[in-house]
Amino acid sequence: MLANNVSVPVVVIGAGHSGLSASYWLGQRGIEHVVIERGRVAESWRVARWDSLRLLTPNWQNSLPGCSYDGDDPDAFMTMEGVIQFITNYSSSINTPLLEGTNVSRVRTSVKGYVIETTRGDFEARALVLASGACNLESLPPFADAMPEGVKAVHSLHYKNPRQLPEGPALVVGASATGLQLASEIHDSGRPVTLSVGEHVRMPRIYRGRDVQWWMHATGLLDDTIGDVDDLVRARNIPSPQLIGTPDHSTVDLNSLSCKGVVLVGRLAGVRPMGDTSVAQFSGSLKNICALADLKLNRLLNTFDEWASKQSNLEIPRVERFEDTVVSERPELGVTIGGTAGIQSVIWATGYKPDYSWLDLPVFDSKGRLKHEGGVVTDSPGVVVLGLTFLRRRKSSFIHGASDDARELVDVLAKHLEGQVS
């Protein structure tokens, strides 16, 4: 399909699991649309993930509208190859009206709605679905460029495996799911690792004999909506839980990393040049940060236990609790970066942000963030966004969370289109 000033009711930008979910529900409503993808289906899963990554959700939980997991290992965790195949097969099964290998260079308003300028021509649409993803760009601290010459610095968006790092000590900055996994992998490669720990969400892989995602699903926590939380901004910025998907369903946390030799330090507060090297400076609040994470973990487990006590037919092992995070009484407040004996590589596991640089619409706040209410983009009627953290529900950022969000937002678009027709 080639565009040459093509007019279509709806354009979906992005052919990941969110964009395809929107396509499914648009198809169910009989709404003509096209899905535009800069690369291939599931492109971000192909190019912006590290080699050993597995999903944090078990296979039984991974579903898309009209399609559930039907394999023979529901409790395992998909590899990246499995995720790509799953999403690609889904696209084929729903006959997505897809245009791959097409970059969107600009989206602007028009008399009829919006013009989407692409490398294959222009589309004019009355409605838009922004499903280009939440993890397009690196989120870096302001001092990230203060690395001395010769030190390898790489963001997790571009990290593939330890072989791209020089030999010698490594500093991993960030201790959410990504930072924990990379710290473990890099340490296992023979490189001494220092892990800089900021605010984090501690979570066991298995609790009382069930996967923690089973508990999150069964208790209804994943279905919490934006109306169920007191502080939505806070909820949308909570770090991803410290989970890892492994064949043995192991829990990887700060204690397990410490036991095998990873050095824990506080939040990275700055990098100070010192001759041919630099000094990474860490906050002294590591103990308090870990104590708060332990407290919140126990509150979560109490929620699970309270729910379980009301289930008369549920047979599960007894209540359990986990050892508090063990922290040195005097953690290091600074380490040398560079030189012959200092840190040789820095891995930024500091998060991501979406890229809407091509969106030439009045939809951003003073900080450049997309303004929306539950995915309905304000100030631009007929535009919705998918795939963002806690968009409409706590599960919004998971693969299985896309369906409900997409269905409801397609309903919004359908009403918009009907209103314009009338």
Foldseek 3Di string as FASTA:
>chain_A
DFDAQAEFAEEEEAQELLSVLLQLLCVVVVGTYEYEEQADRVVLLVQQAAQAAWDLDFQQLFAGVPGHDDDDGRRATHGSVRSRVVSVVSCVVSVHNYDHNKDFQAWDADPQAIWTQIPRYIYHHNFYEYEHAFFPFDDDDPQLPVFFPQFAEAESRRHHALVVFDAEAEEEAEQAQSSLVRQVRNVVVVYAYEYAYDAAAEDAQDFLRHGVVVLCVVLCQQFAWCVNDDDNVVLQPHGHHRGGGDPVSGRGHLQVSVVVRHAYFYHFDHWADDVNKIKTFHDPCPVVSQVVNLVVRVVVLVSSVVVVVPDPPDDTHDGDHDDGRDHDPDGDGIFIRDDDRGHRYYYYHPGRGDDPVNYPAPQADPVRDGDDQLQQGPPRQNYGYAQGQSSTGNNRNPSSNSNVSSNVVVVSNVVSVVVVVD
